[in-house]
Amino acid sequence: MKRHVLSLPVLAITSVITLAVATAAAATANTPAATAHADAATPSPAIQLFASKVETLGASHYGSSFAGARLTPAGLTDVYAVKASDGPLVAAISALNKHGYPVNIVAVSRSYDQLNALNAALGRAYAHLEKDGIRLAESWPDPATGSVVTAILKPAKADLSALATAEAYPTNSSNYRTRALNLLRQEFGAGVTMQSQYVTRWRAGGRNNDTAPFYDGDQISRSGTICTGGFNMVGNASGHDFMYTAGHCGSGTWVTGAQTVGSTSTNYLSATSGNDFQSIYLAGGGLGVVWTNGANLAPVTGQLLPAVGAEITFNGSVTGEVRGNVVNAVGITVYGIYNSVGGYYYDATNQIEATNPSGIYCVRPGDSGGPVYQHTSGSNVNAVGVITGYYYAGGSAGGSTCIATEIGHLESVTNTSLITS
């Protein structure tokens, strides 16, 4: 990627500024961390292994009769089968059970194969069910009830209207669940049931493949250019949610590794505006929670303009969270930055400059637009700004002196308010 730089005197040294935007080939992905949780009240590992072997055996060899296995907290393995007296299945389980663990065979109405076929049919119908006003969040086989259980999202007004049309029956918030289940059973039969509560969508595992509603700090891309989503804001007049990122990233339709984020609503950057930021319209909404690395999160509970000498955190999706950057100045105007997308030079006003005293990079290419904040004494953060770029000497891989647009200035120009937790 071609980089355009400007020589500037900063802290009595000759440096250059680079915009923290990267191509897809130059960016590195974050790897989500996994945490295992142990429960001391569960049955012994040996009994757990036995129950899992029963599930594996039944699913792989007896799918037309076997429906599933479930281990109870007391250590009893319930085996669900269409025919409780199925000789070959019972014999195979007995052969596995060399230590005489307690087993209970329960007769049910649908087999493993039947339940999975029904669940697959629901999956194939996802798109047209959504058009009919039913937004599936999950579905899974439940051998105990012989049904496939569905969990759905709370309906929006458009969902109520769509379902009323599909059902040819008046639909409102009070009868929506009943009408939705009725439509599902018309198409898939009585083997479909519905969870008693609405749910929210599952979250993706990390900042580079987030799904709506979006967190602050997502890795986003547009036509191969990688940047970082900054803080999510709500329009004071429109009430719409917007994600903000750097204006120099260019306008267009933005995506994560999992789904489309939205398209640029307004790019406030021009040759004379001094505003290096843009708004992305979030049809799926945004939350006031920021990624602190690939998989961990922190609530955004406020905002501030940091004092000179205070420490702030830069958090781009490529570099990750870098703490301990000391503020050199606020209200800075940086002059003559080259915008390679627009082909012109521009000034960036209302910038905060900070330097990492250890000399590590606070920003790299691909971090543009990312959140900058100050940690509280607890687990929360206060928004400070969105990443513009960095200074470097002798290379373009990153910099330890970095700049960000003040969050208050962004709010004032765009007539939006920070979304907090």
Protein backbone atom coordinates (compact mmCIF):
# COMPACT_ATOMS: atom_id res chain seq x y z
CA MET A 1 0.00 0.00 0.00
CA LYS A 2 1.42 3.43 -0.93
CA ARG A 3 1.86 5.71 2.06
CA HIS A 4 1.98 9.50 2.02
CA VAL A 5 3.72 11.27 4.86
CA LEU A 6 4.47 14.77 6.08
CA SER A 7 7.57 15.88 7.94
CA LEU A 8 6.61 17.56 11.21
CA PRO A 9 8.60 18.73 14.23
CA VAL A 10 7.23 16.87 17.22
CA LEU A 11 8.83 16.86 20.66
CA ALA A 12 11.93 18.45 19.15
CA ILE A 13 12.50 15.61 16.67
CA THR A 14 11.76 15.39 12.96
CA SER A 15 8.95 12.88 12.43
CA VAL A 16 6.31 12.01 9.89
CA ILE A 17 2.66 11.14 10.27
CA THR A 18 1.00 8.06 8.84
CA LEU A 19 -2.70 7.35 8.76
CA ALA A 20 -3.47 4.11 10.50
CA VAL A 21 -5.20 2.33 7.65
CA ALA A 22 -4.15 -1.02 6.23
CA THR A 23 -4.86 -3.37 3.36
CA ALA A 24 -6.20 -6.82 4.12
CA ALA A 25 -2.86 -8.41 3.29
CA ALA A 26 -1.04 -6.26 5.83
CA ALA A 27 -3.33 -6.83 8.79
CA THR A 28 -3.03 -9.54 11.41
CA ALA A 29 -6.02 -11.26 12.97
CA ASN A 30 -6.66 -11.46 16.67
CA THR A 31 -7.14 -14.91 18.15
CA PRO A 32 -10.00 -15.15 20.63
CA ALA A 33 -9.10 -16.65 23.98
CA ALA A 34 -11.08 -19.56 25.39
CA THR A 35 -11.78 -20.15 29.06
CA ALA A 36 -12.86 -23.47 30.52
CA HIS A 37 -15.20 -23.60 33.50
CA ALA A 38 -15.29 -26.54 35.89
CA ASP A 39 -18.27 -27.56 37.99
CA ALA A 40 -17.41 -29.55 41.08
CA ALA A 41 -20.99 -30.85 41.37
CA THR A 42 -20.96 -32.79 38.09
CA PRO A 43 -20.59 -36.59 37.87
CA SER A 44 -17.15 -38.16 37.71
CA PRO A 45 -15.08 -37.89 34.52
CA ALA A 46 -15.49 -41.62 33.96
CA ILE A 47 -19.29 -41.39 33.97
CA GLN A 48 -19.16 -38.32 31.72
CA LEU A 49 -17.00 -40.27 29.29
CA PHE A 50 -19.43 -43.18 29.31
CA ALA A 51 -22.42 -40.92 28.59
CA SER A 52 -20.52 -39.27 25.73
CA LYS A 53 -19.64 -42.66 24.26
CA VAL A 54 -23.34 -43.58 24.37
CA GLU A 55 -24.21 -40.38 22.48
CA THR A 56 -21.50 -41.03 19.90
CA LEU A 57 -22.50 -44.65 19.41
CA GLY A 58 -26.21 -43.91 19.10
CA ALA A 59 -25.78 -40.99 16.69
CA SER A 60 -23.32 -42.81 14.42
CA HIS A 61 -24.91 -46.28 14.29
CA TYR A 62 -28.52 -46.14 15.50
CA GLY A 63 -29.84 -42.82 14.27
CA SER A 64 -33.18 -44.24 13.14
CA SER A 65 -34.00 -45.42 16.68
CA PHE A 66 -31.71 -43.53 19.06
CA ALA A 67 -32.71 -39.92 19.83
CA GLY A 68 -30.06 -38.70 22.27
CA ALA A 69 -28.37 -39.22 25.63
CA ARG A 70 -28.48 -36.93 28.64
CA LEU A 71 -26.41 -37.24 31.81
CA THR A 72 -28.23 -36.11 34.95
CA PRO A 73 -26.45 -34.42 37.89
CA ALA A 74 -26.97 -37.65 39.85
CA GLY A 75 -24.92 -39.63 37.33
CA LEU A 76 -27.83 -41.36 35.54
CA THR A 77 -27.54 -41.62 31.76
CA ASP A 78 -30.96 -41.22 30.17
CA VAL A 79 -31.05 -42.78 26.71
CA TYR A 80 -33.93 -41.58 24.51
CA ALA A 81 -35.08 -44.02 21.82
CA VAL A 82 -38.07 -44.37 19.55
CA LYS A 83 -38.27 -48.00 20.66
CA ALA A 84 -37.19 -48.44 24.26
CA SER A 85 -36.93 -52.18 23.59
CA ASP A 86 -34.69 -51.84 20.53
CA GLY A 87 -32.54 -54.93 21.02
CA PRO A 88 -29.44 -53.99 19.02
CA LEU A 89 -29.25 -50.51 20.59
CA VAL A 90 -29.71 -51.84 24.14
CA ALA A 91 -27.11 -54.56 23.52
CA ALA A 92 -24.58 -52.05 22.17
CA ILE A 93 -25.03 -49.78 25.21
CA SER A 94 -24.67 -52.76 27.55
CA ALA A 95 -21.40 -53.69 25.83
CA LEU A 96 -20.09 -50.17 26.50
CA ASN A 97 -21.20 -50.22 30.12
CA LYS A 98 -18.39 -52.37 31.52
CA HIS A 99 -18.59 -50.70 34.97
CA GLY A 100 -22.33 -50.94 35.46
CA TYR A 101 -23.18 -47.24 35.39
CA PRO A 102 -26.90 -46.51 35.83
CA VAL A 103 -28.78 -46.24 32.52
CA ASN A 104 -32.44 -45.45 31.87
CA ILE A 105 -34.04 -46.08 28.44
CA VAL A 106 -36.85 -43.61 27.72
CA ALA A 107 -39.33 -44.04 24.85
CA VAL A 108 -39.80 -40.91 22.70
CA SER A 109 -41.65 -39.99 19.52
CA ARG A 110 -38.83 -38.95 17.15
CA SER A 111 -35.39 -40.33 16.43
CA TYR A 112 -32.04 -38.57 16.16
CA ASP A 113 -32.23 -38.64 12.35
CA GLN A 114 -35.79 -37.29 12.31
CA LEU A 115 -34.99 -34.43 14.68
CA ASN A 116 -31.88 -33.43 12.77
CA ALA A 117 -33.75 -33.49 9.47
CA LEU A 118 -36.40 -31.21 10.95
CA ASN A 119 -33.76 -28.87 12.34
CA ALA A 120 -32.02 -28.73 8.96
CA ALA A 121 -35.32 -27.86 7.29
CA LEU A 122 -35.73 -24.94 9.69
CA GLY A 123 -32.26 -23.75 8.80
CA ARG A 124 -33.00 -23.81 5.09
CA ALA A 125 -36.14 -21.77 5.73
CA TYR A 126 -34.31 -19.05 7.70
CA ALA A 127 -34.47 -16.38 4.99
CA HIS A 128 -38.13 -16.73 4.11
CA LEU A 129 -39.14 -17.02 7.77
CA GLU A 130 -37.38 -13.70 8.35
CA LYS A 131 -39.41 -12.18 5.52
CA ASP A 132 -42.54 -13.53 7.20
CA GLY A 133 -41.60 -11.75 10.45
CA ILE A 134 -39.98 -14.63 12.35
CA ARG A 135 -36.31 -14.06 13.13
CA LEU A 136 -34.77 -17.29 14.35
CA ALA A 137 -31.92 -16.99 16.86
CA GLU A 138 -31.45 -20.71 17.58
CA SER A 139 -33.03 -24.09 16.97
CA TRP A 140 -32.01 -27.44 18.41
CA PRO A 141 -33.22 -31.03 18.72
CA ASP A 142 -34.67 -31.90 22.13
CA PRO A 143 -34.92 -35.69 22.38
CA ALA A 144 -36.86 -35.61 25.67
CA THR A 145 -39.84 -33.84 24.05
CA GLY A 146 -39.30 -35.30 20.59
CA SER A 147 -39.28 -31.81 19.11
CA VAL A 148 -37.04 -29.16 17.64
CA VAL A 149 -37.07 -26.13 19.91
CA THR A 150 -36.86 -22.68 18.37
CA ALA A 151 -35.72 -19.48 20.06
CA ILE A 152 -36.68 -16.23 18.36
CA LEU A 153 -35.83 -12.56 18.62
CA LYS A 154 -38.25 -10.04 20.08
CA PRO A 155 -40.28 -8.70 17.16
CA ALA A 156 -39.86 -5.23 15.76
CA LYS A 157 -42.84 -3.38 14.28
CA ALA A 158 -41.87 -4.61 10.82
CA ASP A 159 -41.95 -8.22 12.09
CA LEU A 160 -45.48 -7.80 13.46
CA SER A 161 -46.66 -6.41 10.14
CA ALA A 162 -44.92 -9.13 8.11
CA LEU A 163 -46.33 -11.94 10.24
CA ALA A 164 -49.84 -10.46 10.07
CA THR A 165 -49.57 -10.53 6.28
CA ALA A 166 -48.15 -14.07 6.20
CA GLU A 167 -50.79 -15.39 8.61
CA ALA A 168 -53.65 -13.27 7.27
CA TYR A 169 -54.48 -12.63 10.89
CA PRO A 170 -54.15 -9.48 13.05
CA THR A 171 -50.83 -9.71 14.92
CA ASN A 172 -49.59 -7.61 17.82
CA SER A 173 -47.04 -7.93 20.60
CA SER A 174 -49.39 -9.90 22.83
CA ASN A 175 -50.25 -12.66 20.35
CA TYR A 176 -47.06 -12.62 18.29
CA ARG A 177 -45.51 -15.74 19.83
CA THR A 178 -48.71 -17.74 19.33
CA ARG A 179 -49.03 -16.65 15.72
CA ALA A 180 -45.34 -17.30 15.05
CA LEU A 181 -45.54 -20.84 16.42
CA ASN A 182 -48.71 -21.43 14.42
CA LEU A 183 -46.94 -20.43 11.21
CA LEU A 184 -43.95 -22.65 12.02
CA ARG A 185 -46.20 -25.63 12.65
CA GLN A 186 -48.14 -25.02 9.45
CA GLU A 187 -44.88 -25.44 7.57
CA PHE A 188 -42.98 -27.97 9.69
CA GLY A 189 -45.60 -29.82 11.69
CA ALA A 190 -46.18 -30.40 15.40
CA GLY A 191 -42.54 -31.35 15.94
CA VAL A 192 -41.60 -27.66 16.31
CA THR A 193 -41.87 -26.01 19.72
CA MET A 194 -40.83 -22.58 20.94
CA GLN A 195 -38.76 -21.40 23.89
CA SER A 196 -40.84 -19.40 26.35
CA GLN A 197 -38.68 -16.25 26.28
CA TYR A 198 -37.26 -14.04 23.57
CA VAL A 199 -33.50 -14.14 23.17
CA THR A 200 -30.77 -11.97 21.70
CA ARG A 201 -28.40 -13.13 19.01
CA TRP A 202 -25.22 -14.97 19.89
CA ARG A 203 -22.12 -12.85 19.78
CA ALA A 204 -19.21 -13.65 17.50
CA GLY A 205 -16.03 -14.75 19.23
CA GLY A 206 -13.88 -11.69 18.61
CA ARG A 207 -13.53 -8.18 17.33
CA ASN A 208 -12.65 -9.25 13.78
CA ASN A 209 -15.91 -11.19 13.21
CA ASP A 210 -18.49 -9.32 15.27
CA THR A 211 -22.22 -9.38 14.53
CA ALA A 212 -25.02 -6.89 15.18
CA PRO A 213 -25.58 -5.17 17.53
CA PHE A 214 -21.95 -4.14 17.13
CA TYR A 215 -19.39 -3.39 19.83
CA ASP A 216 -16.89 -0.52 19.82
CA GLY A 217 -13.54 -1.40 18.27
CA ASP A 218 -14.62 -3.94 15.65
CA GLN A 219 -12.24 -4.70 12.83
CA ILE A 220 -14.03 -3.52 9.69
CA SER A 221 -13.06 -3.57 6.02
CA ARG A 222 -14.11 -1.98 2.75
CA SER A 223 -12.85 -3.22 -0.62
CA GLY A 224 -9.75 -4.74 0.98
CA THR A 225 -8.97 -1.72 3.16
CA ILE A 226 -8.95 -2.51 6.87
CA CYS A 227 -9.79 0.03 9.57
CA THR A 228 -11.32 -0.10 13.05
CA GLY A 229 -14.76 0.89 14.23
CA GLY A 230 -14.65 3.58 16.90
CA PHE A 231 -17.32 4.39 19.42
CA ASN A 232 -20.97 3.82 18.59
CA MET A 233 -23.16 6.92 18.73
CA VAL A 234 -26.86 7.70 18.48
CA GLY A 235 -28.22 10.55 16.39
CA ASN A 236 -29.79 13.22 18.58
CA ALA A 237 -32.39 14.04 15.92
CA SER A 238 -32.82 10.74 14.09
CA GLY A 239 -32.43 8.27 16.95
CA HIS A 240 -30.41 5.98 14.64
CA ASP A 241 -27.28 4.19 15.78
CA PHE A 242 -24.01 4.93 13.98
CA MET A 243 -20.51 3.51 14.16
CA TYR A 244 -17.73 6.05 13.70
CA THR A 245 -14.39 5.44 12.07
CA ALA A 246 -11.74 7.57 10.38
CA GLY A 247 -12.78 9.58 7.34
CA HIS A 248 -9.55 8.83 5.49
CA CYS A 249 -10.52 5.15 5.40
CA GLY A 250 -12.81 6.05 2.51
CA SER A 251 -16.56 5.70 2.06
CA GLY A 252 -18.52 2.61 1.13
CA THR A 253 -20.04 -0.53 2.58
CA TRP A 254 -18.24 -1.91 5.62
CA VAL A 255 -18.12 -5.51 6.79
CA THR A 256 -16.69 -7.57 9.62
CA GLY A 257 -15.49 -11.13 9.10
CA ALA A 258 -19.02 -12.28 9.89
CA GLN A 259 -21.51 -9.87 8.30
CA THR A 260 -22.16 -6.47 6.75
CA VAL A 261 -21.90 -3.60 9.22
CA GLY A 262 -23.48 -0.90 7.07
CA SER A 263 -22.64 1.84 4.60
CA THR A 264 -21.10 5.25 5.14
CA SER A 265 -23.85 7.71 6.04
CA THR A 266 -21.69 10.86 6.09
CA ASN A 267 -17.96 11.24 5.60
CA TYR A 268 -17.03 14.49 7.33
CA LEU A 269 -13.53 14.58 5.88
CA SER A 270 -12.77 17.09 3.13
CA ALA A 271 -9.85 19.25 2.10
CA THR A 272 -11.08 22.05 4.38
CA SER A 273 -13.26 20.49 7.11
CA GLY A 274 -10.53 19.46 9.54
CA ASN A 275 -12.70 16.48 10.53
CA ASP A 276 -11.16 13.07 9.96
CA PHE A 277 -14.14 10.88 10.76
CA GLN A 278 -17.19 9.30 9.15
CA SER A 279 -20.47 7.77 10.31
CA ILE A 280 -21.59 4.28 9.32
CA TYR A 281 -25.34 3.63 9.50
CA LEU A 282 -26.02 0.61 11.75
CA ALA A 283 -29.25 -1.09 10.75
CA GLY A 284 -28.51 -3.73 13.40
CA GLY A 285 -27.66 -1.26 16.17
CA GLY A 286 -24.59 -0.63 18.30
CA LEU A 287 -23.70 -1.12 21.95
CA GLY A 288 -21.69 0.94 24.44
CA VAL A 289 -19.16 -1.81 25.06
CA VAL A 290 -15.58 -1.88 23.77
CA TRP A 291 -13.29 -4.77 22.90
CA THR A 292 -10.20 -4.64 25.10
CA ASN A 293 -8.51 -7.31 22.99
CA GLY A 294 -9.61 -10.15 20.72
CA ALA A 295 -12.37 -11.47 22.96
CA ASN A 296 -12.69 -9.45 26.18
CA LEU A 297 -14.92 -6.44 26.71
CA ALA A 298 -15.33 -3.36 28.91
CA PRO A 299 -18.42 -1.17 29.42
CA VAL A 300 -18.18 2.43 28.21
CA THR A 301 -19.72 4.47 31.02
CA GLY A 302 -18.72 8.04 30.18
CA GLN A 303 -16.40 10.34 28.27
CA LEU A 304 -13.72 12.89 29.03
CA LEU A 305 -11.04 15.17 27.63
CA PRO A 306 -7.80 13.92 29.19
CA ALA A 307 -5.36 16.13 31.04
CA VAL A 308 -1.83 16.57 29.75
CA GLY A 309 0.30 14.04 31.62
CA ALA A 310 -2.59 11.58 32.06
CA GLU A 311 -2.43 8.10 30.61
CA ILE A 312 -4.82 6.97 27.87
CA THR A 313 -5.30 3.75 25.92
CA PHE A 314 -5.19 3.37 22.14
CA ASN A 315 -7.06 0.32 20.89
CA GLY A 316 -6.92 -0.51 17.19
CA SER A 317 -8.09 -3.86 15.84
CA VAL A 318 -4.63 -4.73 14.49
CA THR A 319 -2.40 -3.59 17.36
CA GLY A 320 -4.89 -4.30 20.12
CA GLU A 321 -5.16 -2.47 23.43
CA VAL A 322 -2.04 -0.44 24.32
CA ARG A 323 -2.21 1.21 27.72
CA GLY A 324 -0.01 3.76 29.43
CA ASN A 325 0.30 6.34 26.62
CA VAL A 326 1.01 9.74 28.20
CA VAL A 327 -0.90 12.74 26.82
CA ASN A 328 1.40 15.42 25.40
CA ALA A 329 -1.25 17.93 24.34
CA VAL A 330 -4.95 18.32 23.50
CA GLY A 331 -6.66 20.51 20.92
CA ILE A 332 -3.86 19.96 18.40
CA THR A 333 -4.28 20.74 14.71
CA VAL A 334 -2.19 18.53 12.44
CA TYR A 335 -1.56 20.14 9.04
CA GLY A 336 -1.08 18.86 5.52
CA ILE A 337 -1.94 15.17 5.86
CA TYR A 338 -2.30 13.49 2.47
CA ASN A 339 -5.56 11.67 1.79
CA SER A 340 -4.70 8.99 -0.75
CA VAL A 341 -8.39 8.11 -1.24
CA GLY A 342 -9.47 11.64 -2.10
CA GLY A 343 -6.17 12.79 -3.58
CA TYR A 344 -5.80 15.96 -1.49
CA TYR A 345 -4.10 17.32 1.61
CA TYR A 346 -6.13 18.14 4.70
CA ASP A 347 -5.77 19.34 8.28
CA ALA A 348 -7.01 17.35 11.28
CA THR A 349 -8.29 19.54 14.11
CA ASN A 350 -9.11 18.81 17.74
CA GLN A 351 -6.55 16.07 18.07
CA ILE A 352 -5.14 14.50 21.23
CA GLU A 353 -1.49 13.49 21.08
CA ALA A 354 0.06 10.88 23.36
CA THR A 355 3.34 8.99 23.47
CA ASN A 356 4.10 5.56 24.83
CA PRO A 357 7.03 6.01 27.24
CA SER A 358 8.28 2.48 26.57
CA GLY A 359 8.56 3.19 22.86
CA ILE A 360 6.15 0.45 21.83
CA TYR A 361 3.73 1.09 18.99
CA CYS A 362 0.41 2.53 20.10
CA VAL A 363 -1.00 2.47 16.56
CA ARG A 364 -0.29 0.45 13.40
CA PRO A 365 -1.83 0.43 9.92
CA GLY A 366 -5.38 -0.89 10.20
CA ASP A 367 -6.07 0.81 13.56
CA SER A 368 -7.56 3.99 12.04
CA GLY A 369 -10.86 4.98 13.61
CA GLY A 370 -10.37 2.76 16.65
CA PRO A 371 -11.42 3.74 20.18
CA VAL A 372 -9.20 5.72 22.53
CA TYR A 373 -10.20 5.79 26.18
CA GLN A 374 -9.11 6.11 29.78
CA HIS A 375 -9.59 3.24 32.23
CA THR A 376 -11.44 3.84 35.47
CA SER A 377 -10.44 2.33 38.80
CA GLY A 378 -12.88 -0.51 38.03
CA SER A 379 -13.61 -2.43 34.85
CA ASN A 380 -15.21 0.47 32.95
CA VAL A 381 -13.70 2.95 30.51
CA ASN A 382 -14.35 6.58 29.57
CA ALA A 383 -14.30 7.46 25.86
CA VAL A 384 -11.59 9.91 24.80
CA GLY A 385 -11.55 9.83 20.99
CA VAL A 386 -11.05 7.87 17.76
CA ILE A 387 -7.66 7.06 16.22
CA THR A 388 -6.37 9.26 13.39
CA GLY A 389 -2.75 8.16 12.93
CA TYR A 390 0.76 8.02 14.32
CA TYR A 391 4.20 9.55 14.02
CA TYR A 392 7.19 7.45 13.12
CA ALA A 393 10.82 7.86 12.22
CA GLY A 394 12.44 5.62 9.64
CA GLY A 395 9.54 3.32 8.79
CA SER A 396 5.80 2.95 8.35
CA ALA A 397 5.04 -0.17 10.42
CA GLY A 398 3.65 1.84 13.33
CA GLY A 399 4.43 4.57 15.81
CA SER A 400 4.75 5.22 19.52
CA THR A 401 3.41 8.80 19.29
CA CYS A 402 -0.21 8.73 18.21
CA ILE A 403 -3.13 11.09 17.63
CA ALA A 404 -6.90 10.81 17.97
CA THR A 405 -9.90 13.06 17.34
CA GLU A 406 -11.53 14.26 20.57
CA ILE A 407 -14.85 12.51 21.22
CA GLY A 408 -16.54 15.77 22.29
CA HIS A 409 -15.61 17.42 19.00
CA LEU A 410 -16.99 14.46 17.07
CA GLU A 411 -20.28 14.67 19.00
CA SER A 412 -20.57 18.40 18.38
CA VAL A 413 -19.98 18.21 14.62
CA THR A 414 -22.23 15.20 14.03
CA ASN A 415 -25.05 16.02 16.51
CA THR A 416 -24.76 12.57 18.06
CA SER A 417 -24.31 11.27 21.59
CA LEU A 418 -22.04 8.51 22.82
CA ILE A 419 -23.78 5.18 23.45
CA THR A 420 -22.88 4.02 26.96
CA SER A 421 -23.60 0.88 28.94
